[in-house]
Amino acid sequence: MMKTTMSVAISAAALFLTACGGSEAVPSRTGTTTQALADDCTTLRETIDKLREVVKSCNPAGSMLQCRLVLDDVCCPISASGGPVEEFQKAVATYKDQCKYFCPMVACQDPSHGMCGLDGQCHP
């Protein structure tokens, strides 16, 4: 499968390698490189990972009313307690819109009955 952008033939494999942190840079429609986009996506994914830890934080000795929020994540929804929920949701939406990602073919667990684990994180 070939994709042509600005008269440059780009193979799907080259795009995949670049999006996954490869070092190949090719022009895109906006004049930026796919490497720059991949770097932005990597930074955004790191931000999502950090925010996920915060929104899923809970107190194992706390009340049973924790972990009742259900938030969209990159692949599967998660249960959360609070914190920077809007920032997390915005980062996930931006990532899904602008970045290439792969979700494994596994069934997502229902996060609507989340519970606080001994590790201080909400679990479905």
PDB file of N, CA and C in Angstrom:
ATOM      1  N   MET A   1       0.841  -1.171   0.000  1.00  0.00           N
ATOM      2  CA  MET A   1       0.000   0.000   0.000  1.00  0.00           C
ATOM      3  C   MET A   1       0.883   1.230   0.000  1.00  0.00           C
ATOM      4  N   MET A   2       0.632   2.160  -0.886  1.00  0.00           N
ATOM      5  CA  MET A   2       1.445   3.363  -1.004  1.00  0.00           C
ATOM      6  C   MET A   2       0.584   4.591  -0.754  1.00  0.00           C
ATOM      7  N   LYS A   3       1.192   5.608  -0.144  1.00  0.00           N
ATOM      8  CA  LYS A   3       0.508   6.867   0.092  1.00  0.00           C
ATOM      9  C   LYS A   3       1.382   7.965  -0.488  1.00  0.00           C
ATOM     10  N   THR A   4       0.809   8.843  -1.276  1.00  0.00           N
ATOM     11  CA  THR A   4       1.581   9.906  -1.884  1.00  0.00           C
ATOM     12  C   THR A   4       1.242  11.215  -1.200  1.00  0.00           C
ATOM     13  N   THR A   5       2.281  11.928  -0.750  1.00  0.00           N
ATOM     14  CA  THR A   5       2.112  13.221  -0.118  1.00  0.00           C
ATOM     15  C   THR A   5       3.166  14.153  -0.684  1.00  0.00           C
ATOM     16  N   MET A   6       2.761  15.280  -1.261  1.00  0.00           N
ATOM     17  CA  MET A   6       3.665  16.263  -1.850  1.00  0.00           C
ATOM     18  C   MET A   6       4.621  15.596  -2.830  1.00  0.00           C
ATOM     19  N   SER A   7       4.104  14.752  -3.704  1.00  0.00           N
ATOM     20  CA  SER A   7       4.866  14.056  -4.736  1.00  0.00           C
ATOM     21  C   SER A   7       5.930  13.133  -4.179  1.00  0.00           C
ATOM     22  N   VAL A   8       5.802  12.729  -2.936  1.00  0.00           N
ATOM     23  CA  VAL A   8       6.748  11.795  -2.336  1.00  0.00           C
ATOM     24  C   VAL A   8       5.985  10.523  -2.004  1.00  0.00           C
ATOM     25  N   ALA A   9       6.442   9.387  -2.527  1.00  0.00           N
ATOM     26  CA  ALA A   9       5.797   8.117  -2.217  1.00  0.00           C
ATOM     27  C   ALA A   9       6.267   7.653  -0.857  1.00  0.00           C
ATOM     28  N   ILE A  10       5.317   7.364   0.004  1.00  0.00           N
ATOM     29  CA  ILE A  10       5.630   6.945   1.363  1.00  0.00           C
ATOM     30  C   ILE A  10       4.982   5.592   1.586  1.00  0.00           C
ATOM     31  N   SER A  11       5.757   4.617   1.943  1.00  0.00           N
ATOM     32  CA  SER A  11       5.179   3.301   2.181  1.00  0.00           C
ATOM     33  C   SER A  11       4.527   3.256   3.547  1.00  0.00           C
ATOM     34  N   ALA A  12       3.556   2.390   3.691  1.00  0.00           N
ATOM     35  CA  ALA A  12       2.880   2.220   4.985  1.00  0.00           C
ATOM     36  C   ALA A  12       3.887   1.786   6.042  1.00  0.00           C
ATOM     37  N   ALA A  13       4.849   0.967   5.652  1.00  0.00           N
ATOM     38  CA  ALA A  13       5.858   0.507   6.606  1.00  0.00           C
ATOM     39  C   ALA A  13       6.692   1.683   7.119  1.00  0.00           C
ATOM     40  N   ALA A  14       7.056   2.614   6.237  1.00  0.00           N
ATOM     41  CA  ALA A  14       7.838   3.778   6.660  1.00  0.00           C
ATOM     42  C   ALA A  14       7.039   4.635   7.621  1.00  0.00           C
ATOM     43  N   LEU A  15       5.748   4.831   7.337  1.00  0.00           N
ATOM     44  CA  LEU A  15       4.909   5.596   8.248  1.00  0.00           C
ATOM     45  C   LEU A  15       4.789   4.901   9.590  1.00  0.00           C
ATOM     46  N   PHE A  16       4.628   3.584   9.576  1.00  0.00           N
ATOM     47  CA  PHE A  16       4.498   2.834  10.821  1.00  0.00           C
ATOM     48  C   PHE A  16       5.769   2.967  11.646  1.00  0.00           C
ATOM     49  N   LEU A  17       6.913   2.778  11.011  1.00  0.00           N
ATOM     50  CA  LEU A  17       8.176   2.867  11.739  1.00  0.00           C
ATOM     51  C   LEU A  17       8.378   4.266  12.300  1.00  0.00           C
ATOM     52  N   THR A  18       8.025   5.288  11.508  1.00  0.00           N
ATOM     53  CA  THR A  18       8.186   6.649  11.973  1.00  0.00           C
ATOM     54  C   THR A  18       7.261   6.933  13.137  1.00  0.00           C
ATOM     55  N   ALA A  19       6.002   6.514  13.043  1.00  0.00           N
ATOM     56  CA  ALA A  19       5.041   6.769  14.117  1.00  0.00           C
ATOM     57  C   ALA A  19       5.401   6.017  15.384  1.00  0.00           C
ATOM     58  N   CYS A  20       6.134   4.936  15.245  1.00  0.00           N
ATOM     59  CA  CYS A  20       6.513   4.136  16.409  1.00  0.00           C
ATOM     60  C   CYS A  20       7.886   4.514  16.942  1.00  0.00           C
ATOM     61  N   GLY A  21       8.378   5.668  16.570  1.00  0.00           N
ATOM     62  CA  GLY A  21       9.631   6.129  17.144  1.00  0.00           C
ATOM     63  C   GLY A  21      10.837   5.895  16.266  1.00  0.00           C
ATOM     64  N   GLY A  22      10.623   5.523  14.997  1.00  0.00           N
ATOM     65  CA  GLY A  22      11.733   5.351  14.070  1.00  0.00           C
ATOM     66  C   GLY A  22      12.381   6.689  13.783  1.00  0.00           C
ATOM     67  N   SER A  23      13.485   6.689  13.046  1.00  0.00           N
ATOM     68  CA  SER A  23      14.194   7.938  12.819  1.00  0.00           C
ATOM     69  C   SER A  23      13.983   8.489  11.416  1.00  0.00           C
ATOM     70  N   GLU A  24      13.177   7.843  10.603  1.00  0.00           N
ATOM     71  CA  GLU A  24      12.947   8.304   9.245  1.00  0.00           C
ATOM     72  C   GLU A  24      12.053   9.538   9.257  1.00  0.00           C
ATOM     73  N   ALA A  25      12.421  10.568   8.511  1.00  0.00           N
ATOM     74  CA  ALA A  25      11.605  11.774   8.428  1.00  0.00           C
ATOM     75  C   ALA A  25      11.204  11.998   6.981  1.00  0.00           C
ATOM     76  N   VAL A  26       9.941  12.187   6.739  1.00  0.00           N
ATOM     77  CA  VAL A  26       9.431  12.446   5.399  1.00  0.00           C
ATOM     78  C   VAL A  26       8.490  13.634   5.456  1.00  0.00           C
ATOM     79  N   PRO A  27       8.392  14.414   4.360  1.00  0.00           N
ATOM     80  CA  PRO A  27       7.518  15.588   4.384  1.00  0.00           C
ATOM     81  C   PRO A  27       6.056  15.190   4.514  1.00  0.00           C
ATOM     82  N   SER A  28       5.300  15.994   5.209  1.00  0.00           N
ATOM     83  CA  SER A  28       3.860  15.803   5.290  1.00  0.00           C
ATOM     84  C   SER A  28       3.187  16.979   4.599  1.00  0.00           C
ATOM     85  N   ARG A  29       1.877  16.989   4.574  1.00  0.00           N
ATOM     86  CA  ARG A  29       1.144  18.051   3.881  1.00  0.00           C
ATOM     87  C   ARG A  29       1.402  19.428   4.474  1.00  0.00           C
ATOM     88  N   THR A  30       1.644  19.521   5.741  1.00  0.00           N
ATOM     89  CA  THR A  30       1.808  20.817   6.390  1.00  0.00           C
ATOM     90  C   THR A  30       3.244  21.318   6.343  1.00  0.00           C
ATOM     91  N   GLY A  31       4.141  20.571   5.773  1.00  0.00           N
ATOM     92  CA  GLY A  31       5.527  20.987   5.713  1.00  0.00           C
ATOM     93  C   GLY A  31       6.339  20.504   6.897  1.00  0.00           C
ATOM     94  N   THR A  32       5.695  19.937   7.892  1.00  0.00           N
ATOM     95  CA  THR A  32       6.437  19.360   9.008  1.00  0.00           C
ATOM     96  C   THR A  32       6.813  17.939   8.621  1.00  0.00           C
ATOM     97  N   THR A  33       7.603  17.305   9.431  1.00  0.00           N
ATOM     98  CA  THR A  33       7.989  15.934   9.121  1.00  0.00           C
ATOM     99  C   THR A  33       7.173  14.973   9.954  1.00  0.00           C
ATOM    100  N   THR A  34       7.068  13.756   9.465  1.00  0.00           N
ATOM    101  CA  THR A  34       6.362  12.751  10.241  1.00  0.00           C
ATOM    102  C   THR A  34       7.142  12.450  11.514  1.00  0.00           C
ATOM    103  N   GLN A  35       8.459  12.682  11.514  1.00  0.00           N
ATOM    104  CA  GLN A  35       9.250  12.499  12.737  1.00  0.00           C
ATOM    105  C   GLN A  35       8.819  13.503  13.797  1.00  0.00           C
ATOM    106  N   ALA A  36       8.580  14.741  13.374  1.00  0.00           N
ATOM    107  CA  ALA A  36       8.117  15.754  14.325  1.00  0.00           C
ATOM    108  C   ALA A  36       6.759  15.356  14.883  1.00  0.00           C
ATOM    109  N   LEU A  37       5.871  14.843  14.025  1.00  0.00           N
ATOM    110  CA  LEU A  37       4.566  14.379  14.480  1.00  0.00           C
ATOM    111  C   LEU A  37       4.727  13.201  15.431  1.00  0.00           C
ATOM    112  N   ALA A  38       5.631  12.285  15.106  1.00  0.00           N
ATOM    113  CA  ALA A  38       5.876  11.133  15.975  1.00  0.00           C
ATOM    114  C   ALA A  38       6.411  11.596  17.328  1.00  0.00           C
ATOM    115  N   ASP A  39       7.292  12.594  17.324  1.00  0.00           N
ATOM    116  CA  ASP A  39       7.817  13.133  18.580  1.00  0.00           C
ATOM    117  C   ASP A  39       6.688  13.761  19.403  1.00  0.00           C
ATOM    118  N   ASP A  40       5.798  14.517  18.727  1.00  0.00           N
ATOM    119  CA  ASP A  40       4.653  15.108  19.416  1.00  0.00           C
ATOM    120  C   ASP A  40       3.765  14.021  20.002  1.00  0.00           C
ATOM    121  N   CYS A  41       3.538  12.954  19.241  1.00  0.00           N
ATOM    122  CA  CYS A  41       2.692  11.861  19.709  1.00  0.00           C
ATOM    123  C   CYS A  41       3.339  11.128  20.878  1.00  0.00           C
ATOM    124  N   THR A  42       4.643  10.972  20.840  1.00  0.00           N
ATOM    125  CA  THR A  42       5.354  10.334  21.943  1.00  0.00           C
ATOM    126  C   THR A  42       5.216  11.170  23.209  1.00  0.00           C
ATOM    127  N   THR A  43       5.393  12.470  23.085  1.00  0.00           N
ATOM    128  CA  THR A  43       5.252  13.365  24.232  1.00  0.00           C
ATOM    129  C   THR A  43       3.825  13.344  24.762  1.00  0.00           C
ATOM    130  N   LEU A  44       2.859  13.352  23.858  1.00  0.00           N
ATOM    131  CA  LEU A  44       1.457  13.315  24.260  1.00  0.00           C
ATOM    132  C   LEU A  44       1.131  12.004  24.968  1.00  0.00           C
ATOM    133  N   ARG A  45       1.667  10.894  24.458  1.00  0.00           N
ATOM    134  CA  ARG A  45       1.425   9.594  25.096  1.00  0.00           C
ATOM    135  C   ARG A  45       2.032   9.555  26.496  1.00  0.00           C
ATOM    136  N   GLU A  46       3.212  10.128  26.673  1.00  0.00           N
ATOM    137  CA  GLU A  46       3.835  10.194  27.997  1.00  0.00           C
ATOM    138  C   GLU A  46       2.979  11.028  28.950  1.00  0.00           C
ATOM    139  N   THR A  47       2.416  12.121  28.445  1.00  0.00           N
ATOM    140  CA  THR A  47       1.528  12.961  29.249  1.00  0.00           C
ATOM    141  C   THR A  47       0.294  12.176  29.668  1.00  0.00           C
ATOM    142  N   ILE A  48      -0.304  11.444  28.735  1.00  0.00           N
ATOM    143  CA  ILE A  48      -1.475  10.621  29.035  1.00  0.00           C
ATOM    144  C   ILE A  48      -1.140   9.594  30.110  1.00  0.00           C
ATOM    145  N   ASP A  49       0.001   8.937  29.982  1.00  0.00           N
ATOM    146  CA  ASP A  49       0.403   7.918  30.965  1.00  0.00           C
ATOM    147  C   ASP A  49       0.536   8.520  32.371  1.00  0.00           C
ATOM    148  N   LYS A  50       1.119   9.725  32.461  1.00  0.00           N
ATOM    149  CA  LYS A  50       1.274  10.380  33.762  1.00  0.00           C
ATOM    150  C   LYS A  50      -0.081  10.803  34.328  1.00  0.00           C
ATOM    151  N   LEU A  51      -0.922  11.389  33.473  1.00  0.00           N
ATOM    152  CA  LEU A  51      -2.244  11.825  33.928  1.00  0.00           C
ATOM    153  C   LEU A  51      -3.107  10.632  34.336  1.00  0.00           C
ATOM    154  N   ARG A  52      -2.977   9.510  33.624  1.00  0.00           N
ATOM    155  CA  ARG A  52      -3.743   8.306  33.949  1.00  0.00           C
ATOM    156  C   ARG A  52      -3.447   7.864  35.381  1.00  0.00           C
ATOM    157  N   GLU A  53      -2.177   7.891  35.761  1.00  0.00           N
ATOM    158  CA  GLU A  53      -1.798   7.508  37.123  1.00  0.00           C
ATOM    159  C   GLU A  53      -2.489   8.395  38.155  1.00  0.00           C
ATOM    160  N   VAL A  54      -2.612   9.686  37.845  1.00  0.00           N
ATOM    161  CA  VAL A  54      -3.207  10.627  38.787  1.00  0.00           C
ATOM    162  C   VAL A  54      -4.720  10.431  38.873  1.00  0.00           C
ATOM    163  N   VAL A  55      -5.400  10.325  37.727  1.00  0.00           N
ATOM    164  CA  VAL A  55      -6.866  10.202  37.765  1.00  0.00           C
ATOM    165  C   VAL A  55      -7.309   8.859  38.334  1.00  0.00           C
ATOM    166  N   LYS A  56      -6.454   7.843  38.249  1.00  0.00           N
ATOM    167  CA  LYS A  56      -6.786   6.526  38.795  1.00  0.00           C
ATOM    168  C   LYS A  56      -6.372   6.378  40.258  1.00  0.00           C
ATOM    169  N   SER A  57      -5.683   7.386  40.814  1.00  0.00           N
ATOM    170  CA  SER A  57      -5.223   7.313  42.208  1.00  0.00           C
ATOM    171  C   SER A  57      -6.407   7.263  43.162  1.00  0.00           C
ATOM    172  N   CYS A  58      -6.266   6.445  44.182  1.00  0.00           N
ATOM    173  CA  CYS A  58      -7.311   6.309  45.193  1.00  0.00           C
ATOM    174  C   CYS A  58      -6.655   5.920  46.515  1.00  0.00           C
ATOM    175  N   ASN A  59      -7.449   5.903  47.572  1.00  0.00           N
ATOM    176  CA  ASN A  59      -6.957   5.554  48.897  1.00  0.00           C
ATOM    177  C   ASN A  59      -7.580   4.217  49.296  1.00  0.00           C
ATOM    178  N   PRO A  60      -6.771   3.155  49.373  1.00  0.00           N
ATOM    179  CA  PRO A  60      -7.322   1.839  49.731  1.00  0.00           C
ATOM    180  C   PRO A  60      -8.056   1.827  51.068  1.00  0.00           C
ATOM    181  N   ALA A  61      -7.700   2.725  51.971  1.00  0.00           N
ATOM    182  CA  ALA A  61      -8.371   2.791  53.272  1.00  0.00           C
ATOM    183  C   ALA A  61      -9.540   3.776  53.251  1.00  0.00           C
ATOM    184  N   GLY A  62      -9.796   4.377  52.088  1.00  0.00           N
ATOM    185  CA  GLY A  62     -10.857   5.374  51.982  1.00  0.00           C
ATOM    186  C   GLY A  62     -12.226   4.755  51.780  1.00  0.00           C
ATOM    187  N   SER A  63     -13.166   5.602  51.434  1.00  0.00           N
ATOM    188  CA  SER A  63     -14.559   5.170  51.278  1.00  0.00           C
ATOM    189  C   SER A  63     -14.735   4.303  50.032  1.00  0.00           C
ATOM    190  N   MET A  64     -15.848   3.624  49.980  1.00  0.00           N
ATOM    191  CA  MET A  64     -16.186   2.762  48.842  1.00  0.00           C
ATOM    192  C   MET A  64     -16.641   3.574  47.635  1.00  0.00           C
ATOM    193  N   LEU A  65     -16.791   4.895  47.788  1.00  0.00           N
ATOM    194  CA  LEU A  65     -17.302   5.737  46.716  1.00  0.00           C
ATOM    195  C   LEU A  65     -16.212   6.229  45.767  1.00  0.00           C
ATOM    196  N   GLN A  66     -15.049   5.659  45.852  1.00  0.00           N
ATOM    197  CA  GLN A  66     -13.965   6.014  44.945  1.00  0.00           C
ATOM    198  C   GLN A  66     -14.101   5.209  43.650  1.00  0.00           C
ATOM    199  N   CYS A  67     -13.368   5.617  42.644  1.00  0.00           N
ATOM    200  CA  CYS A  67     -13.266   4.876  41.380  1.00  0.00           C
ATOM    201  C   CYS A  67     -14.617   4.750  40.669  1.00  0.00           C
ATOM    202  N   ARG A  68     -15.465   5.742  40.791  1.00  0.00           N
ATOM    203  CA  ARG A  68     -16.795   5.681  40.172  1.00  0.00           C
ATOM    204  C   ARG A  68     -16.867   6.432  38.843  1.00  0.00           C
ATOM    205  N   LEU A  69     -15.826   7.195  38.502  1.00  0.00           N
ATOM    206  CA  LEU A  69     -15.808   7.880  37.213  1.00  0.00           C
ATOM    207  C   LEU A  69     -15.404   6.894  36.122  1.00  0.00           C
ATOM    208  N   VAL A  70     -15.999   7.018  34.964  1.00  0.00           N
ATOM    209  CA  VAL A  70     -15.610   6.215  33.809  1.00  0.00           C
ATOM    210  C   VAL A  70     -15.103   7.188  32.755  1.00  0.00           C
ATOM    211  N   LEU A  71     -13.835   7.021  32.364  1.00  0.00           N
ATOM    212  CA  LEU A  71     -13.198   7.907  31.396  1.00  0.00           C
ATOM    213  C   LEU A  71     -12.736   7.124  30.180  1.00  0.00           C
ATOM    214  N   ASP A  72     -12.852   7.746  29.015  1.00  0.00           N
ATOM    215  CA  ASP A  72     -12.289   7.139  27.810  1.00  0.00           C
ATOM    216  C   ASP A  72     -10.780   7.202  27.900  1.00  0.00           C
ATOM    217  N   ASP A  73     -10.125   6.104  27.547  1.00  0.00           N
ATOM    218  CA  ASP A  73      -8.673   6.064  27.455  1.00  0.00           C
ATOM    219  C   ASP A  73      -8.350   5.790  25.991  1.00  0.00           C
ATOM    220  N   VAL A  74      -7.107   5.594  25.667  1.00  0.00           N
ATOM    221  CA  VAL A  74      -6.719   5.391  24.276  1.00  0.00           C
ATOM    222  C   VAL A  74      -7.413   4.165  23.686  1.00  0.00           C
ATOM    223  N   CYS A  75      -7.422   3.057  24.397  1.00  0.00           N
ATOM    224  CA  CYS A  75      -8.062   1.849  23.864  1.00  0.00           C
ATOM    225  C   CYS A  75      -9.324   1.460  24.629  1.00  0.00           C
ATOM    226  N   CYS A  76      -9.244   1.330  25.922  1.00  0.00           N
ATOM    227  CA  CYS A  76     -10.382   0.886  26.739  1.00  0.00           C
ATOM    228  C   CYS A  76     -10.721   1.944  27.779  1.00  0.00           C
ATOM    229  N   PRO A  77     -12.000   2.090  28.134  1.00  0.00           N
ATOM    230  CA  PRO A  77     -12.359   3.023  29.199  1.00  0.00           C
ATOM    231  C   PRO A  77     -11.772   2.558  30.537  1.00  0.00           C
ATOM    232  N   ILE A  78     -11.544   3.515  31.426  1.00  0.00           N
ATOM    233  CA  ILE A  78     -10.966   3.216  32.738  1.00  0.00           C
ATOM    234  C   ILE A  78     -11.868   3.750  33.834  1.00  0.00           C
ATOM    235  N   SER A  79     -11.718   3.200  35.032  1.00  0.00           N
ATOM    236  CA  SER A  79     -12.382   3.769  36.204  1.00  0.00           C
ATOM    237  C   SER A  79     -11.385   4.718  36.859  1.00  0.00           C
ATOM    238  N   ALA A  80     -11.899   5.827  37.383  1.00  0.00           N
ATOM    239  CA  ALA A  80     -11.041   6.850  37.962  1.00  0.00           C
ATOM    240  C   ALA A  80     -11.711   7.469  39.172  1.00  0.00           C
ATOM    241  N   SER A  81     -10.913   8.188  39.957  1.00  0.00           N
ATOM    242  CA  SER A  81     -11.429   8.850  41.163  1.00  0.00           C
ATOM    243  C   SER A  81     -11.589  10.342  40.982  1.00  0.00           C
ATOM    244  N   GLY A  82     -10.761  10.963  40.191  1.00  0.00           N
ATOM    245  CA  GLY A  82     -10.828  12.414  40.018  1.00  0.00           C
ATOM    246  C   GLY A  82      -9.487  12.973  39.632  1.00  0.00           C
ATOM    247  N   GLY A  83      -9.241  14.199  40.009  1.00  0.00           N
ATOM    248  CA  GLY A  83      -7.991  14.856  39.644  1.00  0.00           C
ATOM    249  C   GLY A  83      -8.137  15.592  38.332  1.00  0.00           C
ATOM    250  N   PRO A  84      -7.089  15.621  37.514  1.00  0.00           N
ATOM    251  CA  PRO A  84      -7.126  16.385  36.261  1.00  0.00           C
ATOM    252  C   PRO A  84      -7.904  15.645  35.151  1.00  0.00           C
ATOM    253  N   VAL A  85      -9.185  15.392  35.408  1.00  0.00           N
ATOM    254  CA  VAL A  85     -10.019  14.608  34.496  1.00  0.00           C
ATOM    255  C   VAL A  85     -10.145  15.279  33.139  1.00  0.00           C
ATOM    256  N   GLU A  86     -10.434  16.592  33.108  1.00  0.00           N
ATOM    257  CA  GLU A  86     -10.601  17.295  31.835  1.00  0.00           C
ATOM    258  C   GLU A  86      -9.311  17.296  31.030  1.00  0.00           C
ATOM    259  N   GLU A  87      -8.190  17.493  31.698  1.00  0.00           N
ATOM    260  CA  GLU A  87      -6.888  17.489  31.018  1.00  0.00           C
ATOM    261  C   GLU A  87      -6.602  16.108  30.429  1.00  0.00           C
ATOM    262  N   PHE A  88      -6.916  15.053  31.187  1.00  0.00           N
ATOM    263  CA  PHE A  88      -6.725  13.687  30.704  1.00  0.00           C
ATOM    264  C   PHE A  88      -7.604  13.428  29.485  1.00  0.00           C
ATOM    265  N   GLN A  89      -8.880  13.789  29.570  1.00  0.00           N
ATOM    266  CA  GLN A  89      -9.795  13.548  28.464  1.00  0.00           C
ATOM    267  C   GLN A  89      -9.391  14.317  27.211  1.00  0.00           C
ATOM    268  N   LYS A  90      -8.934  15.549  27.382  1.00  0.00           N
ATOM    269  CA  LYS A  90      -8.487  16.354  26.239  1.00  0.00           C
ATOM    270  C   LYS A  90      -7.246  15.734  25.603  1.00  0.00           C
ATOM    271  N   ALA A  91      -6.301  15.286  26.416  1.00  0.00           N
ATOM    272  CA  ALA A  91      -5.077  14.668  25.896  1.00  0.00           C
ATOM    273  C   ALA A  91      -5.399  13.383  25.131  1.00  0.00           C
ATOM    274  N   VAL A  92      -6.305  12.564  25.663  1.00  0.00           N
ATOM    275  CA  VAL A  92      -6.697  11.321  24.991  1.00  0.00           C
ATOM    276  C   VAL A  92      -7.379  11.639  23.665  1.00  0.00           C
ATOM    277  N   ALA A  93      -8.286  12.610  23.655  1.00  0.00           N
ATOM    278  CA  ALA A  93      -8.992  12.977  22.423  1.00  0.00           C
ATOM    279  C   ALA A  93      -8.011  13.496  21.369  1.00  0.00           C
ATOM    280  N   THR A  94      -7.063  14.320  21.773  1.00  0.00           N
ATOM    281  CA  THR A  94      -6.058  14.845  20.849  1.00  0.00           C
ATOM    282  C   THR A  94      -5.199  13.712  20.295  1.00  0.00           C
ATOM    283  N   TYR A  95      -4.781  12.803  21.167  1.00  0.00           N
ATOM    284  CA  TYR A  95      -3.957  11.667  20.747  1.00  0.00           C
ATOM    285  C   TYR A  95      -4.699  10.807  19.728  1.00  0.00           C
ATOM    286  N   LYS A  96      -5.955  10.488  20.016  1.00  0.00           N
ATOM    287  CA  LYS A  96      -6.748   9.661  19.104  1.00  0.00           C
ATOM    288  C   LYS A  96      -6.946  10.345  17.764  1.00  0.00           C
ATOM    289  N   ASP A  97      -7.068  11.658  17.776  1.00  0.00           N
ATOM    290  CA  ASP A  97      -7.309  12.424  16.559  1.00  0.00           C
ATOM    291  C   ASP A  97      -6.056  12.590  15.703  1.00  0.00           C
ATOM    292  N   GLN A  98      -4.887  12.746  16.331  1.00  0.00           N
ATOM    293  CA  GLN A  98      -3.693  13.132  15.604  1.00  0.00           C
ATOM    294  C   GLN A  98      -2.625  12.054  15.480  1.00  0.00           C
ATOM    295  N   CYS A  99      -2.718  10.990  16.254  1.00  0.00           N
ATOM    296  CA  CYS A  99      -1.629  10.014  16.296  1.00  0.00           C
ATOM    297  C   CYS A  99      -2.081   8.640  15.829  1.00  0.00           C
ATOM    298  N   LYS A 100      -1.155   7.904  15.310  1.00  0.00           N
ATOM    299  CA  LYS A 100      -1.424   6.517  14.942  1.00  0.00           C
ATOM    300  C   LYS A 100      -1.167   5.655  16.173  1.00  0.00           C
ATOM    301  N   TYR A 101      -2.101   4.752  16.461  1.00  0.00           N
ATOM    302  CA  TYR A 101      -1.951   3.880  17.620  1.00  0.00           C
ATOM    303  C   TYR A 101      -2.608   2.554  17.324  1.00  0.00           C
ATOM    304  N   PHE A 102      -2.239   1.557  18.083  1.00  0.00           N
ATOM    305  CA  PHE A 102      -2.752   0.199  17.909  1.00  0.00           C
ATOM    306  C   PHE A 102      -3.350  -0.266  19.222  1.00  0.00           C
ATOM    307  N   CYS A 103      -4.557  -0.785  19.161  1.00  0.00           N
ATOM    308  CA  CYS A 103      -5.187  -1.372  20.338  1.00  0.00           C
ATOM    309  C   CYS A 103      -5.247  -2.879  20.138  1.00  0.00           C
ATOM    310  N   PRO A 104      -4.721  -3.646  21.077  1.00  0.00           N
ATOM    311  CA  PRO A 104      -4.755  -5.102  20.936  1.00  0.00           C
ATOM    312  C   PRO A 104      -6.199  -5.601  20.932  1.00  0.00           C
ATOM    313  N   MET A 105      -6.396  -6.735  20.314  1.00  0.00           N
ATOM    314  CA  MET A 105      -7.725  -7.330  20.193  1.00  0.00           C
ATOM    315  C   MET A 105      -8.087  -8.068  21.479  1.00  0.00           C
ATOM    316  N   VAL A 106      -8.254  -7.326  22.554  1.00  0.00           N
ATOM    317  CA  VAL A 106      -8.674  -7.914  23.831  1.00  0.00           C
ATOM    318  C   VAL A 106      -9.974  -7.251  24.246  1.00  0.00           C
ATOM    319  N   ALA A 107     -10.783  -7.969  24.972  1.00  0.00           N
ATOM    320  CA  ALA A 107     -12.031  -7.402  25.460  1.00  0.00           C
ATOM    321  C   ALA A 107     -11.740  -6.432  26.593  1.00  0.00           C
ATOM    322  N   CYS A 108     -12.322  -5.266  26.508  1.00  0.00           N
ATOM    323  CA  CYS A 108     -12.166  -4.280  27.579  1.00  0.00           C
ATOM    324  C   CYS A 108     -13.049  -4.680  28.756  1.00  0.00           C
ATOM    325  N   GLN A 109     -12.536  -4.456  29.952  1.00  0.00           N
ATOM    326  CA  GLN A 109     -13.316  -4.741  31.153  1.00  0.00           C
ATOM    327  C   GLN A 109     -14.254  -3.575  31.432  1.00  0.00           C
ATOM    328  N   ASP A 110     -15.378  -3.847  32.057  1.00  0.00           N
ATOM    329  CA  ASP A 110     -16.362  -2.827  32.399  1.00  0.00           C
ATOM    330  C   ASP A 110     -15.846  -2.009  33.579  1.00  0.00           C
ATOM    331  N   PRO A 111     -15.521  -0.724  33.360  1.00  0.00           N
ATOM    332  CA  PRO A 111     -14.979   0.096  34.444  1.00  0.00           C
ATOM    333  C   PRO A 111     -16.047   0.746  35.324  1.00  0.00           C
ATOM    334  N   SER A 112     -17.320   0.491  35.046  1.00  0.00           N
ATOM    335  CA  SER A 112     -18.380   1.174  35.782  1.00  0.00           C
ATOM    336  C   SER A 112     -18.496   0.717  37.235  1.00  0.00           C
ATOM    337  N   HIS A 113     -17.868  -0.382  37.585  1.00  0.00           N
ATOM    338  CA  HIS A 113     -17.888  -0.866  38.969  1.00  0.00           C
ATOM    339  C   HIS A 113     -16.467  -0.918  39.524  1.00  0.00           C
ATOM    340  N   GLY A 114     -15.700   0.160  39.255  1.00  0.00           N
ATOM    341  CA  GLY A 114     -14.308   0.214  39.681  1.00  0.00           C
ATOM    342  C   GLY A 114     -14.157   0.147  41.194  1.00  0.00           C
ATOM    343  N   MET A 115     -13.040  -0.428  41.602  1.00  0.00           N
ATOM    344  CA  MET A 115     -12.724  -0.535  43.027  1.00  0.00           C
ATOM    345  C   MET A 115     -11.280  -0.100  43.232  1.00  0.00           C
ATOM    346  N   CYS A 116     -11.006   0.442  44.405  1.00  0.00           N
ATOM    347  CA  CYS A 116      -9.659   0.871  44.741  1.00  0.00           C
ATOM    348  C   CYS A 116      -8.842  -0.340  45.178  1.00  0.00           C
ATOM    349  N   GLY A 117      -7.737  -0.570  44.503  1.00  0.00           N
ATOM    350  CA  GLY A 117      -6.872  -1.689  44.836  1.00  0.00           C
ATOM    351  C   GLY A 117      -5.875  -1.323  45.929  1.00  0.00           C
ATOM    352  N   LEU A 118      -5.222  -2.332  46.470  1.00  0.00           N
ATOM    353  CA  LEU A 118      -4.208  -2.111  47.502  1.00  0.00           C
ATOM    354  C   LEU A 118      -3.026  -1.306  46.983  1.00  0.00           C
ATOM    355  N   ASP A 119      -2.876  -1.239  45.657  1.00  0.00           N
ATOM    356  CA  ASP A 119      -1.795  -0.472  45.047  1.00  0.00           C
ATOM    357  C   ASP A 119      -2.119   1.018  44.935  1.00  0.00           C
ATOM    358  N   GLY A 120      -3.306   1.432  45.417  1.00  0.00           N
ATOM    359  CA  GLY A 120      -3.689   2.838  45.369  1.00  0.00           C
ATOM    360  C   GLY A 120      -4.159   3.282  44.002  1.00  0.00           C
ATOM    361  N   GLN A 121      -4.578   2.352  43.161  1.00  0.00           N
ATOM    362  CA  GLN A 121      -5.069   2.654  41.816  1.00  0.00           C
ATOM    363  C   GLN A 121      -6.453   2.031  41.633  1.00  0.00           C
ATOM    364  N   CYS A 122      -7.317   2.720  40.874  1.00  0.00           N
ATOM    365  CA  CYS A 122      -8.629   2.186  40.547  1.00  0.00           C
ATOM    366  C   CYS A 122      -8.478   1.053  39.546  1.00  0.00           C
ATOM    367  N   HIS A 123      -9.261   0.011  39.730  1.00  0.00           N
ATOM    368  CA  HIS A 123      -9.273  -1.143  38.829  1.00  0.00           C
ATOM    369  C   HIS A 123     -10.722  -1.454  38.471  1.00  0.00           C
ATOM    370  N   PRO A 124     -10.946  -1.937  37.221  1.00  0.00           N
ATOM    371  CA  PRO A 124     -12.327  -2.262  36.827  1.00  0.00           C
ATOM    372  C   PRO A 124     -12.910  -3.382  37.668  1.00  0.00           C
TER     373      PRO A 124
END
